[in-house]
Protein backbone atom coordinates (compact mmCIF):
# COMPACT_ATOMS: atom_id res chain seq x y z
CA UNK A 1 -60.95 2.64 62.39
CA UNK A 2 -58.84 -0.42 63.21
CA UNK A 3 -55.70 0.92 64.97
CA UNK A 4 -53.63 -2.11 63.89
CA UNK A 5 -54.43 -1.49 60.23
CA UNK A 6 -53.76 2.22 60.65
CA UNK A 7 -50.29 1.41 61.94
CA UNK A 8 -49.52 -1.26 59.32
CA UNK A 9 -51.57 -0.85 56.13
CA UNK A 10 -51.38 2.96 56.10
CA UNK A 11 -47.59 3.34 55.85
CA UNK A 12 -47.30 0.60 53.20
CA UNK A 13 -50.20 2.12 51.29
CA UNK A 14 -48.65 5.56 51.44
CA UNK A 15 -45.32 4.19 50.17
CA UNK A 16 -47.05 2.70 47.13
CA UNK A 17 -49.28 5.72 46.50
CA UNK A 18 -46.50 8.29 46.61
CA UNK A 19 -44.11 6.27 44.46
CA UNK A 20 -46.91 5.67 41.94
CA UNK A 21 -47.39 9.44 41.72
CA UNK A 22 -43.68 10.02 41.20
CA UNK A 23 -43.43 7.38 38.48
CA UNK A 24 -46.53 8.77 36.80
CA UNK A 25 -44.64 12.03 36.33
CA UNK A 26 -42.51 10.22 33.74
CA UNK A 27 -45.45 9.81 31.35
CA UNK A 28 -44.40 11.38 28.07
CA UNK A 29 -40.90 12.15 29.38
CA UNK A 30 -39.12 8.78 29.55
CA UNK A 31 -35.96 8.39 27.42
CA UNK A 32 -37.63 5.85 25.10
CA UNK A 33 -41.26 5.08 24.35
CA UNK A 34 -41.00 1.59 25.84
CA UNK A 35 -40.07 3.12 29.19
CA UNK A 36 -43.12 5.36 29.12
CA UNK A 37 -45.15 2.16 29.09
CA UNK A 38 -42.96 0.25 31.58
CA UNK A 39 -42.89 3.01 34.20
CA UNK A 40 -46.61 3.64 33.77
CA UNK A 41 -47.31 -0.07 34.33
CA UNK A 42 -45.18 -0.11 37.47
CA UNK A 43 -47.01 2.99 38.69
CA UNK A 44 -50.36 1.28 38.08
CA UNK A 45 -49.22 -1.81 40.00
CA UNK A 46 -48.26 0.39 42.93
CA UNK A 47 -51.51 2.33 42.70
CA UNK A 48 -53.43 -0.94 42.86
CA UNK A 49 -51.52 -1.93 45.98
CA UNK A 50 -52.19 1.48 47.51
CA UNK A 51 -55.93 1.23 46.86
CA UNK A 52 -56.20 -2.14 48.59
CA UNK A 53 -54.08 -1.06 51.55
CA UNK A 54 -55.78 2.29 52.05
CA UNK A 55 -59.25 0.73 51.72
CA UNK A 56 -58.37 -1.44 54.73
CA UNK A 57 -57.95 1.76 56.73
CA UNK A 58 -60.84 3.90 55.45
CA UNK A 59 -62.08 5.69 52.35
CA UNK A 60 -59.23 5.40 49.86
CA UNK A 61 -60.06 8.66 48.04
CA UNK A 62 -60.22 10.69 51.22
CA UNK A 63 -57.02 9.16 52.49
CA UNK A 64 -55.22 9.90 49.22
CA UNK A 65 -56.62 13.33 48.45
CA UNK A 66 -57.98 14.70 51.73
CA UNK A 67 -55.10 14.34 54.16
CA UNK A 68 -52.58 17.02 55.01
CA UNK A 69 -48.86 16.44 54.49
CA UNK A 70 -48.12 15.53 58.13
CA UNK A 71 -50.73 12.73 58.04
CA UNK A 72 -48.84 10.74 55.39
CA UNK A 73 -46.66 7.91 56.67
CA UNK A 74 -44.54 7.03 53.63
CA UNK A 75 -40.78 6.76 53.86
CA UNK A 76 -38.91 9.76 52.52
CA UNK A 77 -37.19 7.64 49.84
CA UNK A 78 -40.30 7.28 47.69
CA UNK A 79 -41.11 11.00 47.71
CA UNK A 80 -37.74 12.08 46.34
CA UNK A 81 -37.97 13.92 42.99
CA UNK A 82 -37.37 11.84 39.89
CA UNK A 83 -34.20 13.63 38.88
CA UNK A 84 -32.78 12.14 35.70
CA UNK A 85 -33.61 8.63 34.55
CA UNK A 86 -30.65 7.09 36.39
CA UNK A 87 -31.78 8.77 39.63
CA UNK A 88 -35.23 7.22 39.23
CA UNK A 89 -33.71 3.80 38.57
CA UNK A 90 -31.57 4.07 41.72
CA UNK A 91 -34.71 4.84 43.74
CA UNK A 92 -36.45 1.87 42.11
CA UNK A 93 -33.57 -0.49 42.84
CA UNK A 94 -33.49 0.46 46.52
CA UNK A 95 -37.25 0.38 47.04
CA UNK A 96 -38.25 -2.60 44.88
CA UNK A 97 -35.59 -4.77 46.50
CA UNK A 98 -37.01 -3.87 49.91
CA UNK A 99 -40.61 -4.32 48.81
CA UNK A 100 -39.98 -7.76 47.30
CA UNK A 101 -38.35 -8.97 50.51
CA UNK A 102 -41.13 -7.47 52.63
CA UNK A 103 -44.04 -8.90 50.65
CA UNK A 104 -42.40 -12.30 50.46
CA UNK A 105 -42.21 -12.29 54.25
CA UNK A 106 -45.77 -11.03 54.71
CA UNK A 107 -47.15 -13.60 52.25
CA UNK A 108 -45.88 -16.37 54.51
CA UNK A 109 -47.88 -15.05 57.48
CA UNK A 110 -51.55 -15.04 58.39
CA UNK A 111 -52.16 -11.33 58.85
CA UNK A 112 -54.81 -9.35 56.96
CA UNK A 113 -52.04 -8.20 54.65
CA UNK A 114 -51.03 -11.73 53.58
CA UNK A 115 -53.44 -12.02 50.59
CA UNK A 116 -52.33 -8.67 49.20
CA UNK A 117 -48.67 -9.58 49.73
CA UNK A 118 -49.07 -12.92 47.94
CA UNK A 119 -50.40 -11.11 44.86
CA UNK A 120 -48.12 -8.09 45.07
CA UNK A 121 -44.90 -10.08 45.37
CA UNK A 122 -45.31 -11.18 41.76
CA UNK A 123 -45.61 -7.58 40.68
CA UNK A 124 -42.68 -6.29 42.69
CA UNK A 125 -40.48 -9.11 41.41
CA UNK A 126 -40.96 -7.55 37.96
CA UNK A 127 -40.31 -4.07 39.39
CA UNK A 128 -37.05 -5.31 40.88
CA UNK A 129 -35.96 -7.02 37.67
CA UNK A 130 -36.72 -3.86 35.69
CA UNK A 131 -34.60 -1.77 38.06
CA UNK A 132 -31.83 -4.36 38.06
CA UNK A 133 -31.64 -4.54 34.26
CA UNK A 134 -31.48 -0.78 33.91
CA UNK A 135 -28.87 -0.46 36.65
CA UNK A 136 -26.69 -2.91 34.72
CA UNK A 137 -27.25 -1.14 31.40
CA UNK A 138 -26.49 2.29 32.80
CA UNK A 139 -23.67 1.29 35.11
CA UNK A 140 -21.85 -0.77 32.50
CA UNK A 141 -22.74 1.51 29.59
CA UNK A 142 -21.11 4.76 28.59
CA UNK A 143 -18.93 6.89 30.85
CA UNK A 144 -21.79 9.37 31.23
CA UNK A 145 -24.44 6.75 32.04
CA UNK A 146 -22.06 5.17 34.56
CA UNK A 147 -21.48 8.53 36.26
CA UNK A 148 -25.19 9.36 36.36
CA UNK A 149 -26.11 5.96 37.83
CA UNK A 150 -23.46 6.32 40.50
CA UNK A 151 -24.71 9.81 41.35
CA UNK A 152 -28.24 8.47 41.76
CA UNK A 153 -27.14 5.69 44.08
CA UNK A 154 -25.06 8.09 46.15
CA UNK A 155 -27.74 10.77 46.41
CA UNK A 156 -30.49 8.43 47.63
CA UNK A 157 -28.41 6.26 49.94
CA UNK A 158 -29.10 8.39 53.01
CA UNK A 159 -32.84 7.70 52.73
CA UNK A 160 -32.56 3.90 52.74
CA UNK A 161 -32.09 3.42 56.48
CA UNK A 162 -35.69 4.40 57.15
CA UNK A 163 -36.94 1.34 55.24
CA UNK A 164 -35.90 -0.85 58.14
CA UNK A 165 -37.46 1.06 61.00
CA UNK A 166 -39.98 -1.20 62.80
CA UNK A 167 -43.71 -0.91 62.10
CA UNK A 168 -45.72 -2.05 65.11
CA UNK A 169 -48.03 -4.99 64.42
CA UNK A 170 -46.78 -5.57 60.88
CA UNK A 171 -45.99 -9.25 61.33
CA UNK A 172 -42.57 -8.89 59.72
CA UNK A 173 -39.25 -7.95 61.28
CA UNK A 174 -38.07 -5.12 59.07
CA UNK A 175 -34.72 -5.02 60.81
CA UNK A 176 -34.10 -8.62 59.72
CA UNK A 177 -34.50 -7.55 56.08
CA UNK A 178 -31.52 -5.20 56.21
CA UNK A 179 -28.83 -7.80 55.56
CA UNK A 180 -30.54 -9.61 52.65
CA UNK A 181 -31.46 -6.22 51.17
CA UNK A 182 -27.87 -5.04 51.38
CA UNK A 183 -26.61 -8.28 49.84
CA UNK A 184 -29.01 -8.06 46.90
CA UNK A 185 -28.40 -4.40 46.21
CA UNK A 186 -24.63 -4.81 46.53
CA UNK A 187 -24.64 -7.72 44.08
CA UNK A 188 -26.42 -5.65 41.43
CA UNK A 189 -24.21 -2.62 42.03
CA UNK A 190 -21.03 -4.68 41.71
CA UNK A 191 -22.26 -6.41 38.56
CA UNK A 192 -22.98 -2.99 37.07
CA UNK A 193 -19.33 -1.98 37.70
CA UNK A 194 -20.51 0.61 40.20
CA UNK A 195 -19.55 1.06 43.83
CA UNK A 196 -21.73 1.02 46.91
CA UNK A 197 -22.18 4.51 48.32
CA UNK A 198 -19.84 5.67 51.02
CA UNK A 199 -21.21 6.83 54.34
CA UNK A 200 -23.15 5.30 57.20
CA UNK A 201 -23.71 1.55 57.03
CA UNK A 202 -27.39 0.88 56.33
CA UNK A 203 -27.29 -2.15 58.63
CA UNK A 204 -26.76 0.09 61.64
CA UNK A 205 -27.99 3.47 60.49
CA UNK A 206 -31.43 4.91 59.98
CA UNK A 207 -32.41 8.34 58.75
CA UNK A 208 -35.60 10.03 57.74
CA UNK A 209 -38.82 10.55 59.63
CA UNK A 210 -41.45 10.00 56.97
CA UNK A 211 -43.10 7.31 59.09
CA UNK A 212 -43.68 10.02 61.71
CA UNK A 213 -45.17 12.41 59.16
CA UNK A 214 -42.09 14.56 58.63
CA UNK A 215 -41.36 14.95 54.94
CA UNK A 216 -38.93 16.68 52.61
CA UNK A 217 -39.69 19.98 50.92
CA UNK A 218 -40.42 18.42 47.54
CA UNK A 219 -43.20 16.27 49.01
CA UNK A 220 -45.42 19.26 49.71
CA UNK A 221 -45.24 20.40 46.09
CA UNK A 222 -45.95 16.89 44.80
CA UNK A 223 -48.91 16.50 47.17
CA UNK A 224 -50.41 19.83 46.09
CA UNK A 225 -50.36 18.69 42.49
CA UNK A 226 -51.74 15.24 43.32
CA UNK A 227 -54.62 16.62 45.39
CA UNK A 228 -55.47 19.72 43.36
CA UNK A 229 -58.42 18.37 41.36
CA UNK A 230 -60.07 16.68 44.33
CA UNK A 231 -59.76 19.77 46.50
CA UNK A 232 -60.85 22.15 43.73
CA UNK A 233 -64.02 20.14 43.04
CA UNK A 234 -65.00 18.42 46.30
CA UNK A 235 -67.67 15.74 45.89
CA UNK A 236 -67.48 15.78 42.09
CA UNK A 237 -68.28 12.57 40.23
CA UNK A 238 -67.54 11.54 36.65
């Protein structure tokens, strides 16, 4: 197993895989039928990214369904429960903004991740636009939608610092993405008549230890559901 790919492709693959699983939980439960389709499509995009990234490391099925909780290297942001629709959109705004900046940077390089990044950046640009449009609609909508969107932004803010922790060998300076990320997110939040969350400044603060395999309580329950079929019927084929 290539140690460089383990340290670089694995965490990015786990981010995409776990968020795909969370978004898949919306199937049949989105507020409108169109969003059932939109969130499912975003989940499938992320699942495609995860398959490519994990296949660079080893057997994608075993990595997805055979690992224990502490072996996953995703940031804690993507594993957070969906909450209400506004909460999910806040998570999408934070993560898709980061992912678009990251893949744009990786696509310019010559690492083994560059081809994936060049393709994925087109997908995550749509993911970001989807999150942006819904942030605007909810933030500048009714009093209730405004309050819910603000609550989502506030609740997830403490998990954003981990996005910018360095990943050895990645070929992109994650710390350098903090300022442009903050500028983009702030611009959307202001346009939506919302306010940036109070608390530690993301440009100097980092929380969460998902990259070290330490996850929140809800992750274990999500993983058990995701891995149940594979573990219940090992070696089964369709």
